[in-house]
Amino acid sequence: MPCLHQVRCQIGQEVTQQLVLALIMSRLDYCNNVLAGLPTSTLQPLQRVQNAAARLVFGLSRSDHVTPTLIQLNWLPISYRIEFKLCCLVHAIHYGCSPAYLTEAVQSVGASRSRSGLRSSFTSSMDYSPPRLRTNFGEGAFSHAGPATWNALPDHIRTVADPVKFRKLLKLHFLVKLLTCVDFCVFLGVSIFG
């Protein structure tokens, strides 16, 4: 990033944003679904990289607050990016657009033998059942984190079959969630992005 910082004044904000998306943000998104279930302290270095990238795009100093900048760029924080990726994978599974190894990793509520006689197996055809765990360590596995994140989504988003429209609605859902969290944190006087 030091090289981008040096040429930023010659190339302008729009080109800087495109370079940051290509060189930095693409690497933050690569395989980030394996980071599901990790504590915030482990994700914090990645969040600091994203904050530095947002400051670079707008030419802000290290002391400037980065939350409005992230919202203006429509960039989700790292924790929401992980949830976004998980939901996209489960969406592909639900609508039959995923490889067999991913489809075998999750099980719908209706297909579960142990739940076949329950009312929930008939009413929630969109839900997936996360496996029961003995420890919290397994909550980061896709077989648990994917269904848990998917089940938390509102039904009007999960029923959209078109992947492009689904991604737009999902991102909007997370941005609204972020704005609600930011408003609450501003009310309390707490910074959420450092």
N, C-alpha and C. Protein backbone atom coordinates (compact mmCIF):
# COMPACT_ATOMS: atom_id res chain seq x y z
N MET A 1 0.80 -1.20 0.00
CA MET A 1 0.00 0.00 0.00
C MET A 1 0.85 1.27 0.00
N PRO A 2 2.10 1.24 0.49
CA PRO A 2 2.89 2.47 0.43
C PRO A 2 3.07 2.98 -0.99
N CYS A 3 3.18 2.08 -1.99
CA CYS A 3 3.34 2.50 -3.38
C CYS A 3 2.08 3.21 -3.88
N LEU A 4 0.91 2.71 -3.52
CA LEU A 4 -0.33 3.36 -3.90
C LEU A 4 -0.46 4.73 -3.26
N HIS A 5 0.00 4.83 -2.03
CA HIS A 5 -0.08 6.10 -1.33
C HIS A 5 0.78 7.16 -2.02
N GLN A 6 1.90 6.75 -2.57
CA GLN A 6 2.80 7.70 -3.23
C GLN A 6 2.23 8.22 -4.56
N VAL A 7 1.51 7.38 -5.29
CA VAL A 7 1.00 7.80 -6.60
C VAL A 7 -0.45 8.28 -6.53
N ARG A 8 -1.06 8.25 -5.36
CA ARG A 8 -2.48 8.60 -5.24
C ARG A 8 -2.78 10.00 -5.74
N CYS A 9 -1.92 10.96 -5.47
CA CYS A 9 -2.21 12.35 -5.88
C CYS A 9 -2.11 12.52 -7.41
N GLN A 10 -1.36 11.66 -8.10
CA GLN A 10 -1.26 11.77 -9.56
C GLN A 10 -2.41 11.06 -10.28
N ILE A 11 -2.97 10.00 -9.69
CA ILE A 11 -3.96 9.21 -10.43
C ILE A 11 -5.40 9.53 -10.06
N GLY A 12 -5.64 10.19 -8.97
CA GLY A 12 -7.00 10.59 -8.60
C GLY A 12 -7.73 9.53 -7.79
N GLN A 13 -8.88 9.93 -7.26
CA GLN A 13 -9.65 9.08 -6.35
C GLN A 13 -10.27 7.88 -7.05
N GLU A 14 -10.83 8.07 -8.23
CA GLU A 14 -11.52 6.98 -8.92
C GLU A 14 -10.56 5.85 -9.31
N VAL A 15 -9.41 6.21 -9.85
CA VAL A 15 -8.42 5.20 -10.24
C VAL A 15 -7.84 4.54 -8.99
N THR A 16 -7.63 5.32 -7.94
CA THR A 16 -7.14 4.75 -6.68
C THR A 16 -8.12 3.72 -6.14
N GLN A 17 -9.41 4.04 -6.22
CA GLN A 17 -10.42 3.10 -5.74
C GLN A 17 -10.39 1.81 -6.55
N GLN A 18 -10.24 1.90 -7.86
CA GLN A 18 -10.18 0.70 -8.70
C GLN A 18 -8.94 -0.13 -8.37
N LEU A 19 -7.80 0.53 -8.15
CA LEU A 19 -6.58 -0.19 -7.79
C LEU A 19 -6.71 -0.85 -6.41
N VAL A 20 -7.32 -0.16 -5.48
CA VAL A 20 -7.51 -0.73 -4.14
C VAL A 20 -8.43 -1.94 -4.22
N LEU A 21 -9.49 -1.84 -5.02
CA LEU A 21 -10.39 -2.99 -5.18
C LEU A 21 -9.66 -4.17 -5.80
N ALA A 22 -8.83 -3.91 -6.79
CA ALA A 22 -8.14 -5.00 -7.49
C ALA A 22 -7.00 -5.60 -6.67
N LEU A 23 -6.25 -4.77 -5.97
CA LEU A 23 -5.04 -5.25 -5.30
C LEU A 23 -5.24 -5.63 -3.83
N ILE A 24 -6.16 -4.97 -3.16
CA ILE A 24 -6.29 -5.18 -1.71
C ILE A 24 -7.59 -5.90 -1.37
N MET A 25 -8.71 -5.35 -1.80
CA MET A 25 -10.00 -5.91 -1.40
C MET A 25 -10.23 -7.31 -1.97
N SER A 26 -9.70 -7.58 -3.17
CA SER A 26 -9.85 -8.92 -3.72
C SER A 26 -9.14 -9.96 -2.86
N ARG A 27 -8.04 -9.57 -2.25
CA ARG A 27 -7.32 -10.49 -1.37
C ARG A 27 -8.01 -10.65 -0.02
N LEU A 28 -8.70 -9.62 0.42
CA LEU A 28 -9.47 -9.74 1.66
C LEU A 28 -10.67 -10.66 1.47
N ASP A 29 -11.21 -10.72 0.26
CA ASP A 29 -12.37 -11.56 -0.01
C ASP A 29 -12.01 -12.99 -0.37
N TYR A 30 -10.75 -13.25 -0.67
CA TYR A 30 -10.37 -14.59 -1.13
C TYR A 30 -10.46 -15.58 0.04
N CYS A 31 -11.33 -16.56 -0.10
CA CYS A 31 -11.51 -17.64 0.89
C CYS A 31 -11.82 -17.11 2.29
N ASN A 32 -12.48 -15.96 2.38
CA ASN A 32 -12.75 -15.44 3.72
C ASN A 32 -13.83 -16.21 4.46
N ASN A 33 -14.54 -17.11 3.77
CA ASN A 33 -15.54 -17.90 4.49
C ASN A 33 -14.90 -18.91 5.44
N VAL A 34 -13.61 -19.19 5.28
CA VAL A 34 -12.94 -20.08 6.24
C VAL A 34 -12.65 -19.36 7.55
N LEU A 35 -12.87 -18.05 7.58
CA LEU A 35 -12.65 -17.27 8.79
C LEU A 35 -13.88 -17.22 9.68
N ALA A 36 -14.94 -17.90 9.28
CA ALA A 36 -16.19 -17.90 10.06
C ALA A 36 -15.95 -18.50 11.44
N GLY A 37 -16.53 -17.88 12.42
CA GLY A 37 -16.44 -18.38 13.78
C GLY A 37 -15.21 -17.92 14.54
N LEU A 38 -14.32 -17.18 13.89
CA LEU A 38 -13.13 -16.70 14.59
C LEU A 38 -13.49 -15.50 15.48
N PRO A 39 -12.75 -15.33 16.56
CA PRO A 39 -13.04 -14.18 17.43
C PRO A 39 -12.69 -12.85 16.75
N THR A 40 -13.29 -11.80 17.24
CA THR A 40 -13.07 -10.46 16.68
C THR A 40 -11.61 -10.06 16.74
N SER A 41 -10.92 -10.48 17.77
CA SER A 41 -9.50 -10.11 17.90
C SER A 41 -8.66 -10.69 16.77
N THR A 42 -9.06 -11.82 16.22
CA THR A 42 -8.35 -12.43 15.11
C THR A 42 -8.68 -11.72 13.80
N LEU A 43 -9.89 -11.23 13.67
CA LEU A 43 -10.31 -10.53 12.45
C LEU A 43 -9.87 -9.07 12.44
N GLN A 44 -9.46 -8.55 13.58
CA GLN A 44 -9.11 -7.13 13.69
C GLN A 44 -7.98 -6.70 12.75
N PRO A 45 -6.91 -7.49 12.56
CA PRO A 45 -5.87 -7.07 11.60
C PRO A 45 -6.41 -6.91 10.18
N LEU A 46 -7.31 -7.77 9.76
CA LEU A 46 -7.92 -7.63 8.44
C LEU A 46 -8.79 -6.39 8.36
N GLN A 47 -9.49 -6.09 9.46
CA GLN A 47 -10.32 -4.88 9.49
C GLN A 47 -9.44 -3.63 9.41
N ARG A 48 -8.27 -3.68 10.05
CA ARG A 48 -7.35 -2.54 9.97
C ARG A 48 -6.84 -2.33 8.55
N VAL A 49 -6.60 -3.41 7.81
CA VAL A 49 -6.19 -3.30 6.41
C VAL A 49 -7.31 -2.66 5.59
N GLN A 50 -8.54 -3.08 5.82
CA GLN A 50 -9.66 -2.49 5.10
C GLN A 50 -9.82 -1.02 5.45
N ASN A 51 -9.66 -0.68 6.72
CA ASN A 51 -9.74 0.73 7.13
C ASN A 51 -8.66 1.56 6.45
N ALA A 52 -7.44 1.03 6.38
CA ALA A 52 -6.34 1.75 5.73
C ALA A 52 -6.62 1.92 4.24
N ALA A 53 -7.23 0.92 3.62
CA ALA A 53 -7.57 1.02 2.20
C ALA A 53 -8.63 2.10 1.97
N ALA A 54 -9.62 2.17 2.85
CA ALA A 54 -10.65 3.20 2.72
C ALA A 54 -10.05 4.59 2.92
N ARG A 55 -9.15 4.71 3.88
CA ARG A 55 -8.50 6.01 4.10
C ARG A 55 -7.65 6.40 2.89
N LEU A 56 -7.02 5.42 2.27
CA LEU A 56 -6.19 5.69 1.09
C LEU A 56 -7.04 6.20 -0.07
N VAL A 57 -8.21 5.62 -0.28
CA VAL A 57 -9.07 6.03 -1.39
C VAL A 57 -9.46 7.50 -1.25
N PHE A 58 -9.80 7.92 -0.04
CA PHE A 58 -10.24 9.30 0.17
C PHE A 58 -9.14 10.24 0.64
N GLY A 59 -7.93 9.72 0.80
CA GLY A 59 -6.82 10.57 1.22
C GLY A 59 -6.96 11.07 2.65
N LEU A 60 -7.49 10.26 3.53
CA LEU A 60 -7.69 10.64 4.92
C LEU A 60 -6.45 10.33 5.74
N SER A 61 -6.32 11.01 6.84
CA SER A 61 -5.20 10.71 7.75
C SER A 61 -5.59 9.56 8.69
N ARG A 62 -4.62 9.07 9.44
CA ARG A 62 -4.88 7.94 10.35
C ARG A 62 -5.82 8.33 11.48
N SER A 63 -5.90 9.61 11.79
CA SER A 63 -6.76 10.03 12.90
C SER A 63 -8.21 10.27 12.48
N ASP A 64 -8.48 10.29 11.17
CA ASP A 64 -9.86 10.50 10.69
C ASP A 64 -10.69 9.25 10.91
N HIS A 65 -11.96 9.46 11.23
CA HIS A 65 -12.87 8.36 11.48
C HIS A 65 -13.23 7.67 10.16
N VAL A 66 -13.20 6.34 10.13
CA VAL A 66 -13.32 5.61 8.88
C VAL A 66 -14.73 5.06 8.61
N THR A 67 -15.59 5.03 9.59
CA THR A 67 -16.92 4.44 9.41
C THR A 67 -17.72 5.11 8.29
N PRO A 68 -17.82 6.44 8.25
CA PRO A 68 -18.58 7.06 7.14
C PRO A 68 -17.95 6.76 5.78
N THR A 69 -16.64 6.61 5.75
CA THR A 69 -15.96 6.30 4.49
C THR A 69 -16.32 4.90 4.01
N LEU A 70 -16.34 3.93 4.91
CA LEU A 70 -16.72 2.57 4.53
C LEU A 70 -18.15 2.53 4.02
N ILE A 71 -19.03 3.28 4.66
CA ILE A 71 -20.43 3.31 4.24
C ILE A 71 -20.55 3.99 2.88
N GLN A 72 -19.80 5.05 2.66
CA GLN A 72 -19.84 5.75 1.38
C GLN A 72 -19.31 4.87 0.24
N LEU A 73 -18.32 4.04 0.53
CA LEU A 73 -17.77 3.12 -0.47
C LEU A 73 -18.62 1.87 -0.65
N ASN A 74 -19.63 1.67 0.20
CA ASN A 74 -20.46 0.46 0.22
C ASN A 74 -19.62 -0.79 0.49
N TRP A 75 -18.64 -0.67 1.35
CA TRP A 75 -17.81 -1.81 1.74
C TRP A 75 -18.33 -2.34 3.06
N LEU A 76 -18.60 -3.61 3.10
CA LEU A 76 -19.01 -4.25 4.34
C LEU A 76 -17.80 -4.51 5.20
N PRO A 77 -17.92 -4.40 6.53
CA PRO A 77 -16.82 -4.78 7.41
C PRO A 77 -16.50 -6.27 7.24
N ILE A 78 -15.33 -6.67 7.67
CA ILE A 78 -14.84 -8.03 7.47
C ILE A 78 -15.82 -9.08 8.00
N SER A 79 -16.36 -8.86 9.17
CA SER A 79 -17.29 -9.86 9.74
C SER A 79 -18.53 -10.02 8.87
N TYR A 80 -19.04 -8.92 8.31
CA TYR A 80 -20.20 -9.00 7.43
C TYR A 80 -19.82 -9.59 6.07
N ARG A 81 -18.59 -9.34 5.62
CA ARG A 81 -18.13 -9.92 4.35
C ARG A 81 -18.09 -11.45 4.46
N ILE A 82 -17.70 -11.94 5.61
CA ILE A 82 -17.66 -13.39 5.83
C ILE A 82 -19.08 -13.95 5.79
N GLU A 83 -20.02 -13.30 6.48
CA GLU A 83 -21.40 -13.74 6.46
C GLU A 83 -21.99 -13.66 5.05
N PHE A 84 -21.64 -12.62 4.31
CA PHE A 84 -22.10 -12.45 2.94
C PHE A 84 -21.66 -13.63 2.09
N LYS A 85 -20.40 -14.02 2.20
CA LYS A 85 -19.87 -15.14 1.41
C LYS A 85 -20.55 -16.45 1.80
N LEU A 86 -20.75 -16.66 3.09
CA LEU A 86 -21.44 -17.88 3.54
C LEU A 86 -22.85 -17.96 2.98
N CYS A 87 -23.57 -16.85 3.03
CA CYS A 87 -24.95 -16.82 2.51
C CYS A 87 -24.97 -17.08 1.01
N CYS A 88 -24.00 -16.55 0.28
CA CYS A 88 -23.94 -16.79 -1.16
C CYS A 88 -23.68 -18.26 -1.47
N LEU A 89 -22.84 -18.91 -0.67
CA LEU A 89 -22.59 -20.33 -0.88
C LEU A 89 -23.83 -21.17 -0.59
N VAL A 90 -24.53 -20.86 0.50
CA VAL A 90 -25.74 -21.62 0.83
C VAL A 90 -26.84 -21.34 -0.20
N HIS A 91 -26.90 -20.12 -0.72
CA HIS A 91 -27.86 -19.81 -1.79
C HIS A 91 -27.59 -20.68 -3.01
N ALA A 92 -26.32 -20.83 -3.38
CA ALA A 92 -25.97 -21.68 -4.52
C ALA A 92 -26.35 -23.14 -4.24
N ILE A 93 -26.18 -23.58 -3.01
CA ILE A 93 -26.57 -24.94 -2.63
C ILE A 93 -28.08 -25.10 -2.73
N HIS A 94 -28.80 -24.13 -2.19
CA HIS A 94 -30.27 -24.22 -2.14
C HIS A 94 -30.89 -24.27 -3.54
N TYR A 95 -30.32 -23.52 -4.46
CA TYR A 95 -30.88 -23.45 -5.81
C TYR A 95 -30.13 -24.35 -6.80
N GLY A 96 -29.34 -25.31 -6.30
CA GLY A 96 -28.73 -26.34 -7.14
C GLY A 96 -27.63 -25.88 -8.05
N CYS A 97 -26.89 -24.85 -7.66
CA CYS A 97 -25.80 -24.32 -8.50
C CYS A 97 -24.44 -24.54 -7.87
N SER A 98 -24.31 -25.51 -6.99
CA SER A 98 -23.04 -25.70 -6.29
C SER A 98 -22.50 -27.10 -6.54
N PRO A 99 -21.21 -27.28 -6.30
CA PRO A 99 -20.64 -28.63 -6.45
C PRO A 99 -21.21 -29.59 -5.41
N ALA A 100 -21.07 -30.87 -5.69
CA ALA A 100 -21.65 -31.91 -4.82
C ALA A 100 -21.05 -31.90 -3.43
N TYR A 101 -19.74 -31.60 -3.32
CA TYR A 101 -19.13 -31.63 -1.99
C TYR A 101 -19.70 -30.56 -1.07
N LEU A 102 -20.14 -29.44 -1.61
CA LEU A 102 -20.78 -28.42 -0.78
C LEU A 102 -22.21 -28.83 -0.43
N THR A 103 -22.90 -29.39 -1.39
CA THR A 103 -24.27 -29.82 -1.16
C THR A 103 -24.33 -30.89 -0.07
N GLU A 104 -23.35 -31.76 -0.04
CA GLU A 104 -23.31 -32.82 0.97
C GLU A 104 -22.93 -32.30 2.35
N ALA A 105 -22.37 -31.10 2.42
CA ALA A 105 -21.92 -30.56 3.71
C ALA A 105 -23.07 -30.06 4.58
N VAL A 106 -24.20 -29.72 3.94
CA VAL A 106 -25.33 -29.19 4.70
C VAL A 106 -26.55 -30.07 4.48
N GLN A 107 -27.51 -29.96 5.40
CA GLN A 107 -28.71 -30.77 5.31
C GLN A 107 -29.92 -29.88 5.61
N SER A 108 -30.91 -29.96 4.73
CA SER A 108 -32.11 -29.13 4.97
C SER A 108 -32.90 -29.71 6.14
N VAL A 109 -33.70 -28.86 6.76
CA VAL A 109 -34.48 -29.28 7.92
C VAL A 109 -35.46 -30.37 7.54
N GLY A 110 -36.08 -30.26 6.39
CA GLY A 110 -37.05 -31.25 5.96
C GLY A 110 -36.45 -32.60 5.64
N ALA A 111 -35.15 -32.63 5.25
CA ALA A 111 -34.51 -33.89 4.88
C ALA A 111 -33.93 -34.63 6.08
N SER A 112 -33.89 -33.99 7.21
CA SER A 112 -33.32 -34.61 8.39
C SER A 112 -34.24 -35.71 8.91
N ARG A 113 -33.70 -36.90 9.08
CA ARG A 113 -34.51 -38.03 9.56
C ARG A 113 -35.01 -37.82 10.98
N SER A 114 -34.18 -37.20 11.80
CA SER A 114 -34.56 -37.02 13.20
C SER A 114 -35.69 -36.00 13.35
N ARG A 115 -35.93 -35.17 12.33
CA ARG A 115 -36.95 -34.13 12.42
C ARG A 115 -38.14 -34.43 11.51
N SER A 116 -38.18 -35.63 10.93
CA SER A 116 -39.21 -35.90 9.92
C SER A 116 -40.63 -35.81 10.45
N GLY A 117 -40.88 -36.07 11.71
CA GLY A 117 -42.22 -36.01 12.24
C GLY A 117 -42.57 -34.69 12.87
N LEU A 118 -41.66 -33.76 12.90
CA LEU A 118 -41.91 -32.47 13.55
C LEU A 118 -42.60 -31.49 12.60
N ARG A 119 -43.32 -30.56 13.20
CA ARG A 119 -43.98 -29.52 12.41
C ARG A 119 -42.97 -28.67 11.64
N SER A 120 -41.80 -28.42 12.23
CA SER A 120 -40.81 -27.56 11.60
C SER A 120 -40.28 -28.15 10.30
N SER A 121 -40.34 -29.46 10.14
CA SER A 121 -39.85 -30.07 8.91
C SER A 121 -40.77 -29.76 7.73
N PHE A 122 -42.04 -29.42 8.00
CA PHE A 122 -42.97 -29.10 6.93
C PHE A 122 -43.05 -27.61 6.67
N THR A 123 -42.84 -26.79 7.67
CA THR A 123 -43.04 -25.36 7.52
C THR A 123 -41.82 -24.61 7.02
N SER A 124 -40.62 -25.09 7.26
CA SER A 124 -39.43 -24.32 6.92
C SER A 124 -38.59 -25.05 5.89
N SER A 125 -39.07 -25.05 4.64
CA SER A 125 -38.33 -25.72 3.58
C SER A 125 -37.08 -24.95 3.18
N MET A 126 -36.96 -23.70 3.61
CA MET A 126 -35.79 -22.88 3.29
C MET A 126 -34.68 -23.03 4.33
N ASP A 127 -34.98 -23.60 5.47
CA ASP A 127 -34.00 -23.69 6.55
C ASP A 127 -33.10 -24.91 6.39
N TYR A 128 -31.89 -24.75 6.93
CA TYR A 128 -30.93 -25.85 6.97
C TYR A 128 -30.57 -26.07 8.43
N SER A 129 -30.34 -27.32 8.79
CA SER A 129 -30.05 -27.62 10.19
C SER A 129 -28.55 -27.71 10.41
N PRO A 130 -28.01 -26.83 11.25
CA PRO A 130 -26.59 -26.96 11.60
C PRO A 130 -26.40 -28.17 12.51
N PRO A 131 -25.30 -28.89 12.35
CA PRO A 131 -25.09 -30.07 13.20
C PRO A 131 -24.89 -29.68 14.66
N ARG A 132 -25.25 -30.58 15.55
CA ARG A 132 -25.03 -30.32 16.98
C ARG A 132 -23.55 -30.47 17.29
N LEU A 133 -23.07 -29.59 18.13
CA LEU A 133 -21.65 -29.58 18.47
C LEU A 133 -21.47 -29.77 19.96
N ARG A 134 -20.38 -30.41 20.31
CA ARG A 134 -20.07 -30.56 21.73
C ARG A 134 -19.25 -29.39 22.25
N THR A 135 -18.52 -28.74 21.36
CA THR A 135 -17.70 -27.59 21.75
C THR A 135 -17.98 -26.43 20.80
N ASN A 136 -17.52 -25.25 21.16
CA ASN A 136 -17.68 -24.08 20.30
C ASN A 136 -16.67 -24.07 19.16
N PHE A 137 -15.69 -24.94 19.21
CA PHE A 137 -14.62 -24.95 18.21
C PHE A 137 -15.16 -25.22 16.81
N GLY A 138 -16.18 -26.06 16.70
CA GLY A 138 -16.72 -26.44 15.39
C GLY A 138 -17.66 -25.44 14.77
N GLU A 139 -17.97 -24.34 15.44
CA GLU A 139 -18.91 -23.36 14.91
C GLU A 139 -18.38 -22.66 13.67
N GLY A 140 -17.09 -22.72 13.43
CA GLY A 140 -16.52 -22.09 12.24
C GLY A 140 -16.59 -22.97 11.01
N ALA A 141 -16.91 -24.24 11.18
CA ALA A 141 -17.01 -25.14 10.02
C ALA A 141 -18.18 -24.72 9.14
N PHE A 142 -18.01 -24.90 7.83
CA PHE A 142 -19.07 -24.49 6.90
C PHE A 142 -20.37 -25.22 7.18
N SER A 143 -20.29 -26.48 7.57
CA SER A 143 -21.51 -27.25 7.82
C SER A 143 -22.34 -26.66 8.95
N HIS A 144 -21.72 -25.88 9.83
CA HIS A 144 -22.46 -25.22 10.91
C HIS A 144 -22.67 -23.73 10.62
N ALA A 145 -21.60 -23.03 10.23
CA ALA A 145 -21.69 -21.57 10.04
C ALA A 145 -22.58 -21.20 8.85
N GLY A 146 -22.52 -21.98 7.77
CA GLY A 146 -23.34 -21.68 6.60
C GLY A 146 -24.83 -21.73 6.91
N PRO A 147 -25.33 -22.87 7.43
CA PRO A 147 -26.76 -22.91 7.76
C PRO A 147 -27.18 -21.90 8.83
N ALA A 148 -26.34 -21.67 9.83
CA ALA A 148 -26.70 -20.72 10.88
C ALA A 148 -26.85 -19.31 10.31
N THR A 149 -25.95 -18.91 9.42
CA THR A 149 -26.02 -17.59 8.82
C THR A 149 -27.21 -17.49 7.87
N TRP A 150 -27.44 -18.54 7.09
CA TRP A 150 -28.56 -18.58 6.14
C TRP A 150 -29.90 -18.50 6.86
N ASN A 151 -30.04 -19.26 7.94
CA ASN A 151 -31.31 -19.28 8.68
C ASN A 151 -31.63 -17.94 9.32
N ALA A 152 -30.60 -17.12 9.57
CA ALA A 152 -30.82 -15.82 10.19
C ALA A 152 -31.32 -14.78 9.20
N LEU A 153 -31.26 -15.07 7.91
CA LEU A 153 -31.73 -14.12 6.90
C LEU A 153 -33.25 -14.05 6.87
N PRO A 154 -33.81 -12.90 6.51
CA PRO A 154 -35.26 -12.80 6.34
C PRO A 154 -35.71 -13.63 5.13
N ASP A 155 -36.94 -14.11 5.17
CA ASP A 155 -37.47 -14.97 4.10
C ASP A 155 -37.52 -14.26 2.75
N HIS A 156 -37.79 -12.96 2.74
CA HIS A 156 -37.91 -12.28 1.45
C HIS A 156 -36.58 -12.23 0.69
N ILE A 157 -35.47 -12.41 1.38
CA ILE A 157 -34.17 -12.47 0.71
C ILE A 157 -33.87 -13.91 0.28
N ARG A 158 -34.18 -14.87 1.14
CA ARG A 158 -33.86 -16.27 0.84
C ARG A 158 -34.66 -16.82 -0.33
N THR A 159 -35.83 -16.26 -0.60
CA THR A 159 -36.67 -16.80 -1.67
C THR A 159 -36.30 -16.28 -3.05
N VAL A 160 -35.34 -15.37 -3.15
CA VAL A 160 -34.92 -14.84 -4.45
C VAL A 160 -33.99 -15.85 -5.11
N ALA A 161 -34.38 -16.35 -6.26
CA ALA A 161 -33.60 -17.37 -6.95
C ALA A 161 -32.48 -16.79 -7.81
N ASP A 162 -32.66 -15.59 -8.34
CA ASP A 162 -31.65 -14.97 -9.19
C ASP A 162 -30.44 -14.59 -8.35
N PRO A 163 -29.24 -15.11 -8.67
CA PRO A 163 -28.06 -14.83 -7.84
C PRO A 163 -27.66 -13.36 -7.80
N VAL A 164 -27.83 -12.65 -8.90
CA VAL A 164 -27.45 -11.23 -8.94
C VAL A 164 -28.38 -10.42 -8.03
N LYS A 165 -29.66 -10.66 -8.16
CA LYS A 165 -30.63 -9.94 -7.31
C LYS A 165 -30.45 -10.33 -5.85
N PHE A 166 -30.16 -11.63 -5.60
CA PHE A 166 -29.93 -12.08 -4.24
C PHE A 166 -28.75 -11.35 -3.62
N ARG A 167 -27.65 -11.22 -4.34
CA ARG A 167 -26.46 -10.53 -3.81
C ARG A 167 -26.76 -9.06 -3.51
N LYS A 168 -27.53 -8.42 -4.37
CA LYS A 168 -27.89 -7.01 -4.14
C LYS A 168 -28.73 -6.87 -2.87
N LEU A 169 -29.75 -7.72 -2.74
CA LEU A 169 -30.60 -7.65 -1.55
C LEU A 169 -29.82 -8.01 -0.29
N LEU A 170 -28.92 -8.99 -0.41
CA LEU A 170 -28.12 -9.40 0.74
C LEU A 170 -27.19 -8.28 1.19
N LYS A 171 -26.55 -7.63 0.23
CA LYS A 171 -25.65 -6.52 0.58
C LYS A 171 -26.44 -5.37 1.21
N LEU A 172 -27.61 -5.09 0.66
CA LEU A 172 -28.46 -4.06 1.23
C LEU A 172 -28.87 -4.42 2.65
N HIS A 173 -29.19 -5.68 2.88
CA HIS A 173 -29.56 -6.15 4.21
C HIS A 173 -28.41 -5.91 5.21
N PHE A 174 -27.19 -6.25 4.81
CA PHE A 174 -26.05 -6.07 5.70
C PHE A 174 -25.70 -4.59 5.88
N LEU A 175 -25.88 -3.77 4.83
CA LEU A 175 -25.63 -2.33 4.99
C LEU A 175 -26.64 -1.69 5.94
N VAL A 176 -27.90 -2.11 5.86
CA VAL A 176 -28.91 -1.60 6.80
C VAL A 176 -28.56 -2.04 8.22
N LYS A 177 -28.13 -3.29 8.36
CA LYS A 177 -27.71 -3.79 9.66
C LYS A 177 -26.51 -2.99 10.20
N LEU A 178 -25.58 -2.67 9.30
CA LEU A 178 -24.41 -1.88 9.67
C LEU A 178 -24.81 -0.48 10.08
N LEU A 179 -25.70 0.16 9.31
CA LEU A 179 -26.14 1.52 9.66
C LEU A 179 -26.86 1.55 10.99
N THR A 180 -27.66 0.54 11.26
CA THR A 180 -28.35 0.45 12.55
C THR A 180 -27.33 0.33 13.68
N CYS A 181 -26.32 -0.51 13.46
CA CYS A 181 -25.27 -0.69 14.47
C CYS A 181 -24.47 0.59 14.66
N VAL A 182 -24.16 1.29 13.54
CA VAL A 182 -23.40 2.55 13.62
C VAL A 182 -24.20 3.60 14.37
N ASP A 183 -25.48 3.73 14.05
CA ASP A 183 -26.33 4.71 14.75
C ASP A 183 -26.37 4.43 16.24
N PHE A 184 -26.49 3.16 16.60
CA PHE A 184 -26.53 2.79 18.01
C PHE A 184 -25.20 3.10 18.69
N CYS A 185 -24.09 2.80 18.00
CA CYS A 185 -22.76 3.06 18.57
C CYS A 185 -22.48 4.56 18.70
N VAL A 186 -22.96 5.34 17.74
CA VAL A 186 -22.81 6.80 17.82
C VAL A 186 -23.60 7.31 19.02
N PHE A 187 -24.79 6.75 19.24
CA PHE A 187 -25.61 7.12 20.38
C PHE A 187 -24.85 6.83 21.69
N LEU A 188 -24.17 5.68 21.73
CA LEU A 188 -23.41 5.31 22.92
C LEU A 188 -22.03 5.97 22.99
N GLY A 189 -21.57 6.53 21.87
CA GLY A 189 -20.24 7.13 21.82
C GLY A 189 -19.12 6.11 21.70
N VAL A 190 -19.39 4.99 21.03
CA VAL A 190 -18.42 3.92 20.88
C VAL A 190 -18.02 3.80 19.42
N SER A 191 -16.74 3.57 19.13
CA SER A 191 -16.27 3.36 17.77
C SER A 191 -16.27 1.86 17.47
N ILE A 192 -16.77 1.47 16.29
CA ILE A 192 -16.85 0.04 15.98
C ILE A 192 -15.76 -0.41 15.02
N PHE A 193 -15.08 0.50 14.33
CA PHE A 193 -14.06 0.09 13.37
C PHE A 193 -12.66 0.51 13.76
N GLY A 194 -12.50 1.13 14.89
CA GLY A 194 -11.16 1.49 15.36
C GLY A 194 -10.60 2.73 14.75
